[in-house]
């Protein structure tokens, strides 16, 4: 049995794991920034519109598509995004991209979720 497995089984956290946790928390705190900076950089990069979407606790959005590409940043709560049979759990600081016409569904956590989304219409 490797030393790493032994540490994980005993409940000890390695220095490497602590570094990863710290880096993840630091990234989430700095990635979110302000809506205005997200909006400005998204419009500069070619987005047609940038909006904030708020979803209620436990809300489910069945499979659907959009006529635009979506690049989003989760800012509050948590959600699960399902695309092509794979599901991702997303929390503040996480980003996701959905290409125009891609079937997907969404499920929101017990506190709901908020994300900022830059939309680029199909050309």
Protein backbone atom coordinates (compact mmCIF):
# COMPACT_ATOMS: atom_id res chain seq x y z
CA UNK A 1 0.00 0.00 0.00
CA UNK A 2 1.40 3.40 -0.93
CA UNK A 3 2.06 6.13 1.63
CA UNK A 4 -0.62 8.34 0.00
CA UNK A 5 -3.31 5.67 0.37
CA UNK A 6 -2.29 5.11 4.00
CA UNK A 7 -2.61 8.83 4.77
CA UNK A 8 -5.98 9.10 3.07
CA UNK A 9 -7.32 6.10 4.96
CA UNK A 10 -6.13 7.43 8.29
CA UNK A 11 -7.85 10.78 7.69
CA UNK A 12 -4.64 12.81 7.52
CA UNK A 13 -4.36 15.47 4.84
CA UNK A 14 -1.07 15.78 3.00
CA UNK A 15 0.69 19.07 2.36
CA UNK A 16 -0.05 18.66 -1.34
CA UNK A 17 -3.78 18.27 -0.65
CA UNK A 18 -3.74 21.38 1.55
CA UNK A 19 -2.04 23.34 -1.25
CA UNK A 20 -4.73 22.17 -3.68
CA UNK A 21 -7.55 23.18 -1.31
CA UNK A 22 -5.97 26.59 -0.67
CA UNK A 23 -5.44 27.21 -4.39
CA UNK A 24 -9.03 26.24 -5.18
CA UNK A 25 -10.45 28.57 -2.49
CA UNK A 26 -8.18 31.41 -3.59
CA UNK A 27 -9.17 30.92 -7.24
CA UNK A 28 -12.88 30.98 -6.44
CA UNK A 29 -12.51 34.18 -4.41
CA UNK A 30 -10.59 36.01 -7.11
CA UNK A 31 -12.29 34.60 -10.23
CA UNK A 32 -15.76 35.94 -9.43
CA UNK A 33 -14.85 39.66 -9.36
CA UNK A 34 -17.62 42.09 -10.27
CA UNK A 35 -20.45 41.76 -12.76
CA UNK A 36 -19.34 44.96 -14.48
CA UNK A 37 -15.82 43.63 -15.11
CA UNK A 38 -17.26 40.30 -16.37
CA UNK A 39 -19.65 42.22 -18.63
CA UNK A 40 -16.98 44.54 -20.01
CA UNK A 41 -14.50 41.76 -20.79
CA UNK A 42 -17.24 39.58 -22.32
CA UNK A 43 -18.50 42.35 -24.60
CA UNK A 44 -14.92 43.14 -25.62
CA UNK A 45 -14.45 39.45 -26.49
CA UNK A 46 -17.49 39.54 -28.80
CA UNK A 47 -20.53 38.70 -26.66
CA UNK A 48 -23.83 40.16 -27.89
CA UNK A 49 -25.32 40.44 -24.41
CA UNK A 50 -24.34 39.69 -20.82
CA UNK A 51 -26.92 38.94 -18.13
CA UNK A 52 -27.20 37.69 -14.58
CA UNK A 53 -29.44 34.63 -14.15
CA UNK A 54 -30.90 33.70 -10.75
CA UNK A 55 -32.54 30.32 -10.17
CA UNK A 56 -34.63 29.23 -7.19
CA UNK A 57 -33.89 26.42 -4.73
CA UNK A 58 -34.32 22.96 -6.22
CA UNK A 59 -35.42 24.29 -9.60
CA UNK A 60 -35.10 21.89 -12.53
CA UNK A 61 -34.84 23.00 -16.16
CA UNK A 62 -35.56 20.08 -18.47
CA UNK A 63 -33.51 19.37 -21.59
CA UNK A 64 -33.51 22.32 -23.99
CA UNK A 65 -31.27 24.20 -26.45
CA UNK A 66 -30.39 27.84 -27.14
CA UNK A 67 -29.81 29.80 -30.35
CA UNK A 68 -26.66 31.33 -28.82
CA UNK A 69 -23.32 30.22 -27.36
CA UNK A 70 -23.20 30.70 -23.59
CA UNK A 71 -20.08 31.31 -21.51
CA UNK A 72 -20.98 31.51 -17.84
CA UNK A 73 -19.49 31.99 -14.38
CA UNK A 74 -21.30 30.65 -11.31
CA UNK A 75 -21.30 33.31 -8.58
CA UNK A 76 -23.60 31.89 -5.88
CA UNK A 77 -25.10 28.56 -4.84
CA UNK A 78 -24.60 25.35 -6.75
CA UNK A 79 -26.00 23.67 -9.81
CA UNK A 80 -25.67 20.53 -11.89
CA UNK A 81 -25.36 20.86 -15.66
CA UNK A 82 -25.98 17.79 -17.84
CA UNK A 83 -24.69 17.71 -21.41
CA UNK A 84 -24.42 14.58 -23.54
CA UNK A 85 -24.96 12.16 -20.67
CA UNK A 86 -22.30 13.76 -18.44
CA UNK A 87 -23.18 15.86 -15.40
CA UNK A 88 -20.98 18.52 -13.77
CA UNK A 89 -21.54 20.00 -10.34
CA UNK A 90 -20.77 23.73 -10.45
CA UNK A 91 -20.09 26.08 -7.54
CA UNK A 92 -19.00 29.73 -7.21
CA UNK A 93 -15.93 30.35 -9.35
CA UNK A 94 -16.70 27.52 -11.78
CA UNK A 95 -17.18 28.34 -15.45
CA UNK A 96 -19.06 26.51 -18.17
CA UNK A 97 -19.60 26.81 -21.92
CA UNK A 98 -22.61 25.62 -23.91
CA UNK A 99 -22.43 25.83 -27.69
CA UNK A 100 -25.48 27.00 -29.62
CA UNK A 101 -27.89 24.13 -30.31
CA UNK A 102 -26.44 21.82 -27.63
CA UNK A 103 -29.14 19.92 -25.70
CA UNK A 104 -28.64 20.29 -21.94
CA UNK A 105 -30.52 20.31 -18.65
CA UNK A 106 -29.95 22.10 -15.34
CA UNK A 107 -30.72 21.35 -11.70
CA UNK A 108 -30.20 23.87 -8.91
CA UNK A 109 -29.15 23.24 -5.30
CA UNK A 110 -31.01 23.87 -2.04
CA UNK A 111 -30.08 27.60 -2.07
CA UNK A 112 -30.61 27.98 -5.80
CA UNK A 113 -27.83 29.47 -7.89
CA UNK A 114 -26.75 32.63 -9.68
CA UNK A 115 -24.50 32.85 -12.70
CA UNK A 116 -23.37 35.53 -15.11
CA UNK A 117 -23.64 34.54 -18.74
CA UNK A 118 -22.18 36.05 -21.88
CA UNK A 119 -24.29 35.16 -24.92
CA UNK A 120 -23.08 35.17 -28.49
CA UNK A 121 -25.80 34.77 -31.12
CA UNK A 122 -25.30 32.18 -33.85
CA UNK A 123 -23.86 33.83 -36.93
